[in-house]
Structures are given as structure tokens and as C-alpha cells.
Amino acid sequence: MNRKSYFLLLVTVFLMNVHGYCQYHFPFRNDKSSILAYWYNCKTDSVTISALNATGYFNSTLQVYGPAMADSFQVRVDVFLSDSTVAYTHTFQIKENLSAIETGYKVDFINGHFRIMSSVKQLKSLPALIKVRIYSSRTTLEKNIFPCYHKVYGHITDFNDKPLKSFILIKPDAFEDACGVWSDKNGYYEIELPERVYNAFYINDGNYKSTTLEAWSWHMVIDNEQQLDYKIGTGEVYNLHVWPNNGGYNSLFLSFRPMVLKSKDPSHLSQMVNEKEFNCIDIAPELSIKDFKITINGEETEIFSLQKYFETGKNIAMPAYLIQVKRLKPTFGKQTICVEYNKPPIESNGKKAVQNSMGYFQFYPNYSGMSAYY
């Protein structure tokens, strides 16, 4: 390879990497840069939750984002495989108050932008190119998107290391499921995901509210292949968030709301917060520092303090915890925080009950380990 060819190769690789990096965000620099598209490729499957008397379905999904150009417009999407085969073509009619039952896809609007969520058939291979064309009677916007995928894999067990056949659901924005996959009988799962930041991953063995609750991952930055192992217990690490202590001690703050499986409906108690009365739902375990194991990029860190507070709504309060831990080196680069609690068995209604769960959170701090980039 001569020097010119080598240089062109480097430039191509650089541009591909920059393009992938920009896919994390939902930028508002201009209309074209806010056009994003993601194809989540998985086989159609289902899960029956007996405690809820309901069956859930997960399948492949197409998501398209962009500027709402008019009261009514169209979005054409063409998906190509690596051999240039056209794998999918569809034109979406976009306008407010469009019925998902009528169209077969869902459209949301927020801040002058739209999002399409449409169930699609699984492709034989991952897409290499997604072409998006947004057009109305007044103007047209086009963008070629070259998706980048990364493998996420791991094992799912209980807190005694027994493998669990479980499922993992992927929730990119809020709590809508984009795709999902079952683990095998040995608890091993594997899924290919488009590069971006995900709101949450949901992991359950199908026994929700019967014998277990679920494990969660929050703000997951999928920018490389990674192993994420999960333990399913009788509790949850819900609404986990982590941020650096800017200008204070060399530490991170962790906030989350624990929930635990109850043998009967939770009690409601009166709770005063800032001289205001709230209806407090008793669904949280009483936890102490010795009940926790917290790791940063796989290394256990020191817990400085644990403080209980209340997450409140209009008139509802639920117990939550604020934990301060030692920040570990390297302080820059992606930080994967795992919060695990495992409380010794306690007597409940004449039976011994365990209270345990775990959850992940990911973020990138800046060079000094301070405020997160995303």
C-alpha cells in the first residue's frame, strides 16, 4: 500500500469514527444533523408474566428522529445490507394525532422534532446503510446514516450464582422496548446494539412479583463491545444515577430508589418532608453500608457515607438513598458503576426473606474526572 492510499484509509476510518461518536447525541445544530435512525435487529419472541396475567412481546424495531418540517409530511426510509441489497423500504405519513392502530407505527412530537417507532421484521444481517428522506410540499432533507453496532453479552444468575434463563429488554429513550433477547439455559445472552446512549436495560427471569423483581442498567453508553453480567434478586436498584463531586472531596455521588418484593400489598404511611405531608409507599428495604458492594470498572471502591431521603411526587413519597464513594483511577474514560446490595435474611410473616439486587450506570467524566460529557 502506497502512502497516498494509506492516508486515504486513515481519513476514512477517522470520519467513520467521528460519525459514530455523533450518534450518541440528539444534536440541534441544524435540521439535517438532527436526523437519526436506528435499526434494532432481533427475532420475534415473547414472555408471559404470570403474576401480572400478561404476555409481553419483543421484536425488531426501527427508530427515526428528525425535525417536524410541517403539519403534515412524509419520511421515506431505505435500509441496505453490506452487499447493497435493499432490505427494507417504507414511506411513513407524519402528522399529529396519527393513530398507531391505523398506521402500524407510533409517532411522537417534542420540541419541534418527531420520532417514529415501527416494528419491523428481523434482517438476515445488520444494516450497513439507512437512507432517510424527509419531504413536504415546501422542502426536502436527506441523510445517509452508516450504523455502527456493538455486541453486549454476559451471564444472568441469581445471588447464589445459579444460572437463570432470563430476558433482557432494551429501552433507548424512556421505557418503550426497542428489542429484546432471551438468555439460554446457562444464563448466557448476547445482543448486537446500535451505537448510542440508552436510557435503560431491563432484565427479568419471567417471575416478576412472584419470586423475583428485576435488575436494571441505566444510562448505558454502548460505544464498544462489553460484558455485562447480571444478578436477579428480590429487589431493584431503580432510577440509579451517578455524578462526580465537582469542587469537593475526591468522590462520586450515587442516587437510587430501592424496591423489594413484598409478600402482601405495601402499606401507605404518612411522611412529613419539609413541613409537607406525603403518602409514603413502604416498598424499600432498610439498608446500611455493610449491605452494599459498589464497583467502578470492576474494582470495589470505598463507601464514605449512606444517607436516606425521599423521592417525592405531587403527594407521594418513596424512600431513596444517596451514597458517596471514593473515585478510582483512571478518573477519565468511561466509568461503569455497579451497585449491589445483599441484605442478610430477615423474618417476614414467619418466613425468612432475602433482600438483594444490583444495577449498572455508565457515564464519561471530563479529563479531570469532573462533570460528565454525556
Protein backbone atom coordinates (compact mmCIF):
# COMPACT_ATOMS: atom_id res chain seq x y z
CA MET A 1 0.00 0.00 0.00
CA ASN A 2 1.47 3.38 -1.03
CA ARG A 3 1.48 6.45 1.23
CA LYS A 4 -1.46 8.11 -0.54
CA SER A 5 -3.66 5.02 -0.23
CA TYR A 6 -2.65 4.62 3.42
CA PHE A 7 -3.55 8.26 4.13
CA LEU A 8 -6.96 7.91 2.46
CA LEU A 9 -7.62 4.80 4.53
CA LEU A 10 -6.78 6.65 7.76
CA VAL A 11 -9.06 9.55 6.80
CA THR A 12 -11.90 7.15 6.02
CA VAL A 13 -11.53 5.36 9.37
CA PHE A 14 -11.38 8.72 11.20
CA LEU A 15 -14.52 10.01 9.54
CA MET A 16 -16.34 6.76 10.29
CA ASN A 17 -15.38 7.03 13.97
CA VAL A 18 -16.43 10.68 14.20
CA HIS A 19 -19.74 9.85 12.56
CA GLY A 20 -20.37 7.06 15.07
CA TYR A 21 -19.48 9.33 18.00
CA CYS A 22 -22.03 11.93 16.89
CA GLN A 23 -24.75 9.28 17.02
CA TYR A 24 -24.74 9.37 20.84
CA HIS A 25 -26.42 12.73 20.98
CA PHE A 26 -29.58 14.25 19.61
CA PRO A 27 -27.97 17.42 18.23
CA PHE A 28 -29.85 20.59 17.36
CA ARG A 29 -27.15 22.36 15.31
CA ASN A 30 -29.28 22.21 12.18
CA ASP A 31 -32.17 20.24 10.76
CA LYS A 32 -30.04 17.70 8.91
CA SER A 33 -27.78 16.89 11.87
CA SER A 34 -30.84 16.04 13.99
CA ILE A 35 -31.85 13.26 11.60
CA LEU A 36 -31.03 9.95 13.29
CA ALA A 37 -32.04 6.37 12.55
CA TYR A 38 -31.53 3.13 14.47
CA TRP A 39 -32.36 -0.43 13.49
CA TYR A 40 -32.65 -2.88 16.41
CA ASN A 41 -32.35 -6.39 14.98
CA CYS A 42 -33.71 -9.35 16.94
CA LYS A 43 -36.08 -12.25 16.42
CA THR A 44 -39.70 -12.06 17.45
CA ASP A 45 -40.26 -13.61 20.86
CA SER A 46 -42.48 -13.28 23.91
CA VAL A 47 -42.62 -13.64 27.68
CA THR A 48 -45.56 -14.42 29.93
CA ILE A 49 -45.59 -12.80 33.37
CA SER A 50 -47.92 -14.96 35.45
CA ALA A 51 -48.17 -12.52 38.38
CA LEU A 52 -49.47 -9.83 36.00
CA ASN A 53 -51.53 -12.25 33.89
CA ALA A 54 -49.99 -10.67 30.80
CA THR A 55 -47.82 -11.59 27.82
CA GLY A 56 -45.17 -9.22 26.50
CA TYR A 57 -43.72 -9.30 23.01
CA PHE A 58 -40.36 -8.12 21.74
CA ASN A 59 -39.22 -7.84 18.15
CA SER A 60 -37.05 -5.80 15.81
CA THR A 61 -37.70 -2.06 15.75
CA LEU A 62 -36.86 0.90 13.53
CA GLN A 63 -36.49 4.33 15.16
CA VAL A 64 -36.22 7.53 13.09
CA TYR A 65 -35.76 11.04 14.52
CA GLY A 66 -35.82 14.37 12.74
CA PRO A 67 -37.24 17.89 12.50
CA ALA A 68 -41.01 18.29 12.16
CA MET A 69 -40.97 20.25 8.88
CA ALA A 70 -44.71 20.95 8.58
CA ASP A 71 -48.09 19.97 9.98
CA SER A 72 -48.06 17.04 7.58
CA PHE A 73 -45.08 15.47 5.78
CA GLN A 74 -43.54 12.15 4.74
CA VAL A 75 -40.47 10.19 5.77
CA ARG A 76 -39.02 7.59 3.41
CA VAL A 77 -36.59 5.05 4.84
CA ASP A 78 -34.44 2.68 2.76
CA VAL A 79 -32.26 0.11 4.51
CA PHE A 80 -29.34 -1.59 2.73
CA LEU A 81 -27.21 -4.58 3.71
CA SER A 82 -23.44 -4.71 3.27
CA ASP A 83 -23.85 -6.29 -0.20
CA SER A 84 -26.02 -3.29 -1.26
CA THR A 85 -29.20 -5.39 -1.11
CA VAL A 86 -32.29 -3.32 -0.31
CA ALA A 87 -33.60 -4.98 2.87
CA TYR A 88 -36.38 -2.58 3.78
CA THR A 89 -38.29 0.32 2.21
CA HIS A 90 -41.19 2.25 3.69
CA THR A 91 -42.72 5.71 3.47
CA PHE A 92 -44.24 6.99 6.71
CA GLN A 93 -47.03 9.56 6.75
CA ILE A 94 -46.34 12.01 9.59
CA LYS A 95 -48.85 14.29 11.27
CA GLU A 96 -50.12 14.91 14.78
CA ASN A 97 -52.85 12.71 16.27
CA LEU A 98 -51.96 9.87 13.92
CA SER A 99 -53.36 6.57 15.17
CA ALA A 100 -50.82 3.79 15.72
CA ILE A 101 -53.63 1.27 15.32
CA GLU A 102 -54.42 2.70 11.90
CA THR A 103 -50.84 3.05 10.64
CA GLY A 104 -48.97 0.24 12.43
CA TYR A 105 -46.31 2.63 13.74
CA LYS A 106 -46.07 5.21 16.51
CA VAL A 107 -45.14 8.89 16.03
CA ASP A 108 -44.18 11.25 18.89
CA PHE A 109 -43.53 15.00 18.74
CA ILE A 110 -41.40 17.03 21.13
CA ASN A 111 -39.61 20.40 20.83
CA GLY A 112 -40.30 20.66 17.10
CA HIS A 113 -38.93 17.19 16.36
CA PHE A 114 -40.54 13.82 15.67
CA ARG A 115 -39.73 10.21 16.46
CA ILE A 116 -41.03 7.19 14.57
CA MET A 117 -41.12 3.79 16.27
CA SER A 118 -42.10 0.93 13.99
CA SER A 119 -41.97 -2.83 14.44
CA VAL A 120 -40.05 -4.45 11.60
CA LYS A 121 -39.02 -7.94 10.53
CA GLN A 122 -35.63 -9.24 11.57
CA LEU A 123 -32.98 -8.83 8.87
CA LYS A 124 -30.65 -11.68 7.92
CA SER A 125 -27.71 -9.39 8.78
CA LEU A 126 -27.20 -5.97 10.33
CA PRO A 127 -27.85 -2.96 8.07
CA ALA A 128 -24.87 -1.15 6.56
CA LEU A 129 -26.74 1.97 5.40
CA ILE A 130 -30.00 3.67 6.37
CA LYS A 131 -31.15 6.40 3.98
CA VAL A 132 -33.68 8.86 5.39
CA ARG A 133 -35.58 11.34 3.22
CA ILE A 134 -37.93 13.83 4.88
CA TYR A 135 -40.08 15.81 2.49
CA SER A 136 -43.11 18.05 2.36
CA SER A 137 -44.59 20.35 -0.26
CA ARG A 138 -42.07 23.04 0.70
CA THR A 139 -38.70 21.35 1.30
CA THR A 140 -36.72 18.11 1.39
CA LEU A 141 -33.98 16.85 3.71
CA GLU A 142 -31.90 13.74 3.05
CA LYS A 143 -29.27 11.93 5.10
CA ASN A 144 -27.24 8.73 4.73
CA ILE A 145 -26.62 7.03 8.07
CA PHE A 146 -23.97 4.32 8.44
CA PRO A 147 -24.90 2.50 11.66
CA CYS A 148 -22.26 1.08 13.96
CA TYR A 149 -23.08 -1.96 16.09
CA HIS A 150 -21.50 -3.42 19.23
CA LYS A 151 -22.01 -6.75 20.96
CA VAL A 152 -23.32 -6.74 24.53
CA TYR A 153 -23.14 -10.10 26.27
CA GLY A 154 -22.86 -11.75 29.66
CA HIS A 155 -24.36 -14.17 32.17
CA ILE A 156 -27.53 -13.84 34.24
CA THR A 157 -27.66 -15.62 37.60
CA ASP A 158 -29.30 -15.40 40.99
CA PHE A 159 -27.34 -14.27 44.05
CA ASN A 160 -26.12 -17.85 44.60
CA ASP A 161 -24.55 -17.91 41.11
CA LYS A 162 -27.25 -20.24 39.77
CA PRO A 163 -27.79 -19.54 36.03
CA LEU A 164 -31.20 -18.15 35.15
CA LYS A 165 -32.94 -18.35 31.81
CA SER A 166 -33.97 -14.70 31.58
CA PHE A 167 -34.72 -11.96 29.11
CA ILE A 168 -33.22 -8.52 28.58
CA LEU A 169 -35.25 -5.65 27.11
CA ILE A 170 -33.59 -2.59 25.55
CA LYS A 171 -35.19 0.81 26.25
CA PRO A 172 -33.43 3.59 24.28
CA ASP A 173 -35.34 6.76 25.24
CA ALA A 174 -37.78 6.21 28.05
CA PHE A 175 -39.39 2.85 28.81
CA GLU A 176 -40.56 1.72 25.38
CA ASP A 177 -38.98 -1.58 24.34
CA ALA A 178 -36.94 -1.42 21.14
CA CYS A 179 -35.79 -5.05 21.16
CA GLY A 180 -35.03 -7.94 23.46
CA VAL A 181 -33.43 -11.34 23.74
CA TRP A 182 -33.66 -14.41 25.98
CA SER A 183 -30.61 -15.93 27.61
CA ASP A 184 -30.01 -19.66 27.21
CA LYS A 185 -30.42 -22.26 29.97
CA ASN A 186 -26.92 -21.41 31.22
CA GLY A 187 -27.89 -17.75 31.63
CA TYR A 188 -25.76 -16.59 28.68
CA TYR A 189 -27.17 -13.81 26.49
CA GLU A 190 -25.83 -11.89 23.53
CA ILE A 191 -27.24 -9.00 21.53
CA GLU A 192 -25.94 -6.58 18.87
CA LEU A 193 -26.98 -2.97 19.51
CA PRO A 194 -26.62 0.27 17.54
CA GLU A 195 -24.08 2.69 18.98
CA ARG A 196 -25.76 5.28 21.21
CA VAL A 197 -26.69 6.07 24.83
CA TYR A 198 -29.61 4.01 26.17
CA ASN A 199 -31.99 5.07 28.91
CA ALA A 200 -32.25 1.61 30.46
CA PHE A 201 -31.85 -2.15 30.12
CA TYR A 202 -34.42 -4.34 31.90
CA ILE A 203 -33.56 -7.88 32.99
CA ASN A 204 -36.08 -10.39 34.37
CA ASP A 205 -36.41 -14.16 34.68
CA GLY A 206 -40.16 -14.09 33.98
CA ASN A 207 -41.11 -14.40 37.67
CA TYR A 208 -41.74 -10.70 38.26
CA LYS A 209 -43.67 -10.07 41.51
CA SER A 210 -43.87 -13.83 42.11
CA THR A 211 -40.41 -14.77 43.42
CA THR A 212 -38.19 -12.04 41.98
CA LEU A 213 -38.16 -8.45 40.83
CA GLU A 214 -35.71 -7.26 38.16
CA ALA A 215 -32.22 -5.96 37.50
CA TRP A 216 -31.73 -2.62 35.72
CA SER A 217 -28.99 -0.78 33.84
CA TRP A 218 -29.22 3.00 33.49
CA HIS A 219 -27.69 5.49 31.02
CA MET A 220 -25.78 2.79 29.18
CA VAL A 221 -23.15 4.10 26.75
CA ILE A 222 -22.82 1.46 24.04
CA ASP A 223 -19.68 2.54 22.21
CA ASN A 224 -17.75 -0.74 22.25
CA GLU A 225 -18.18 -4.44 22.84
CA GLN A 226 -18.75 -5.09 26.52
CA GLN A 227 -19.62 -7.79 29.00
CA LEU A 228 -22.43 -7.05 31.44
CA ASP A 229 -23.23 -9.78 33.95
CA TYR A 230 -26.44 -9.54 35.97
CA LYS A 231 -27.81 -10.94 39.22
CA ILE A 232 -31.57 -11.14 39.65
CA GLY A 233 -32.85 -10.94 43.22
CA THR A 234 -35.88 -9.92 45.22
CA GLY A 235 -35.26 -6.18 44.89
CA GLU A 236 -34.44 -3.43 42.41
CA VAL A 237 -31.83 -0.71 42.05
CA TYR A 238 -34.27 1.69 40.44
CA ASN A 239 -33.58 5.13 38.95
CA LEU A 240 -29.82 4.86 39.56
CA HIS A 241 -27.82 7.98 38.76
CA VAL A 242 -24.12 8.75 39.33
CA TRP A 243 -22.25 12.04 39.10
CA PRO A 244 -18.85 13.43 40.15
CA ASN A 245 -18.44 15.61 43.22
CA ASN A 246 -17.33 18.81 41.48
CA GLY A 247 -15.28 21.03 43.78
CA GLY A 248 -15.49 18.76 46.82
CA TYR A 249 -13.93 15.53 48.02
CA ASN A 250 -12.48 13.07 45.51
CA SER A 251 -15.72 11.16 45.24
CA LEU A 252 -18.81 10.21 43.29
CA PHE A 253 -22.43 10.60 44.35
CA LEU A 254 -24.87 7.76 43.69
CA SER A 255 -28.61 8.12 44.00
CA PHE A 256 -31.17 5.35 43.61
CA ARG A 257 -34.54 4.16 44.85
CA PRO A 258 -34.57 0.57 46.14
CA MET A 259 -37.66 -1.56 45.90
CA VAL A 260 -38.14 -5.04 47.32
CA LEU A 261 -40.60 -7.89 46.81
CA LYS A 262 -43.40 -7.83 49.37
CA SER A 263 -45.47 -10.83 50.47
CA LYS A 264 -48.52 -8.55 50.63
CA ASP A 265 -49.56 -5.18 49.29
CA PRO A 266 -47.25 -2.43 50.63
CA SER A 267 -48.54 -0.23 53.43
CA HIS A 268 -49.05 3.52 53.00
CA LEU A 269 -47.77 5.77 55.76
CA SER A 270 -47.91 9.49 56.43
CA GLN A 271 -44.49 11.12 55.94
CA MET A 272 -43.58 14.74 56.63
CA VAL A 273 -40.98 16.25 54.26
CA ASN A 274 -40.17 19.97 54.57
CA GLU A 275 -43.31 20.50 56.64
CA LYS A 276 -45.44 18.96 53.90
CA GLU A 277 -47.34 15.70 54.33
CA PHE A 278 -46.84 12.92 51.79
CA ASN A 279 -48.35 9.48 51.31
CA CYS A 280 -45.29 7.23 51.74
CA ILE A 281 -45.36 3.84 49.99
CA ASP A 282 -43.49 1.22 52.00
CA ILE A 283 -41.65 -0.71 49.27
CA ALA A 284 -37.99 -0.12 50.21
CA PRO A 285 -35.66 -2.24 52.36
CA GLU A 286 -33.75 -0.66 55.24
CA LEU A 287 -30.14 -0.72 54.07
CA SER A 288 -26.79 0.01 55.73
CA ILE A 289 -23.28 0.41 54.32
CA LYS A 290 -22.37 -3.21 55.14
CA ASP A 291 -25.18 -4.41 52.82
CA PHE A 292 -23.52 -2.83 49.75
CA LYS A 293 -20.79 -3.69 47.29
CA ILE A 294 -20.05 -0.91 44.80
CA THR A 295 -17.53 -1.26 41.96
CA ILE A 296 -16.13 1.19 39.44
CA ASN A 297 -14.94 -0.50 36.24
CA GLY A 298 -14.89 -3.81 38.11
CA GLU A 299 -12.86 -2.60 41.11
CA GLU A 300 -14.55 -2.34 44.50
CA THR A 301 -14.49 1.17 45.95
CA GLU A 302 -14.78 2.58 49.47
CA ILE A 303 -18.18 3.80 50.63
CA PHE A 304 -17.84 7.10 52.52
CA SER A 305 -21.45 7.57 53.57
CA LEU A 306 -25.04 6.41 53.09
CA GLN A 307 -27.96 8.79 53.58
CA LYS A 308 -31.66 8.07 53.30
CA TYR A 309 -34.01 10.60 51.72
CA PHE A 310 -37.39 10.61 49.98
CA GLU A 311 -38.18 10.79 46.29
CA THR A 312 -41.38 12.80 46.06
CA GLY A 313 -44.14 13.50 43.58
CA LYS A 314 -47.25 15.60 43.90
CA ASN A 315 -48.30 13.92 47.15
CA ILE A 316 -46.39 10.60 47.05
CA ALA A 317 -43.07 9.87 48.77
CA MET A 318 -40.84 6.81 48.34
CA PRO A 319 -37.61 6.06 50.26
CA ALA A 320 -34.34 6.54 48.33
CA TYR A 321 -30.63 6.58 49.15
CA LEU A 322 -27.71 8.91 48.48
CA ILE A 323 -24.31 7.19 48.62
CA GLN A 324 -20.90 8.87 48.44
CA VAL A 325 -17.98 6.68 47.30
CA LYS A 326 -14.28 7.13 46.61
CA ARG A 327 -13.44 7.92 42.99
CA LEU A 328 -10.92 5.47 41.49
CA LYS A 329 -8.23 5.89 38.84
CA PRO A 330 -8.35 6.37 35.97
CA THR A 331 -10.78 9.21 36.63
CA PHE A 332 -11.37 9.87 32.93
CA GLY A 333 -12.70 7.48 30.30
CA LYS A 334 -15.93 5.54 30.52
CA GLN A 335 -16.99 4.75 34.07
CA THR A 336 -19.14 1.66 34.68
CA ILE A 337 -20.59 1.73 38.19
CA CYS A 338 -22.21 -1.39 39.62
CA VAL A 339 -24.34 -1.07 42.77
CA GLU A 340 -25.18 -4.30 44.55
CA TYR A 341 -26.95 -4.81 47.86
CA ASN A 342 -27.47 -8.14 49.59
CA LYS A 343 -29.11 -7.90 52.99
CA PRO A 344 -28.98 -10.89 55.38
CA PRO A 345 -32.27 -12.82 55.64
CA ILE A 346 -34.91 -11.28 57.85
CA GLU A 347 -38.11 -12.66 59.36
CA SER A 348 -41.25 -11.60 57.48
CA ASN A 349 -44.66 -13.13 58.26
CA GLY A 350 -42.99 -16.14 59.83
CA LYS A 351 -40.70 -16.72 56.83
CA LYS A 352 -37.10 -15.77 56.16
CA ALA A 353 -36.86 -13.27 53.32
CA VAL A 354 -33.76 -12.12 51.47
CA GLN A 355 -33.45 -8.61 50.03
CA ASN A 356 -30.96 -8.24 47.20
CA SER A 357 -30.49 -6.62 43.80
CA MET A 358 -27.95 -4.94 41.54
CA GLY A 359 -27.78 -2.30 38.80
CA TYR A 360 -25.39 -0.52 36.44
CA PHE A 361 -24.81 3.10 35.42
CA GLN A 362 -22.35 4.41 32.82
CA PHE A 363 -21.02 7.87 32.02
CA TYR A 364 -17.98 9.74 30.73
CA PRO A 365 -16.41 12.37 33.02
CA ASN A 366 -14.03 15.01 31.65
CA TYR A 367 -10.21 14.78 31.80
CA SER A 368 -10.14 15.78 35.47
CA GLY A 369 -12.90 13.35 36.39
CA MET A 370 -15.45 16.11 36.90
CA SER A 371 -18.71 16.94 35.08
CA ALA A 372 -19.88 14.27 32.68
CA TYR A 373 -19.81 14.82 28.93
CA TYR A 374 -22.85 12.64 28.29
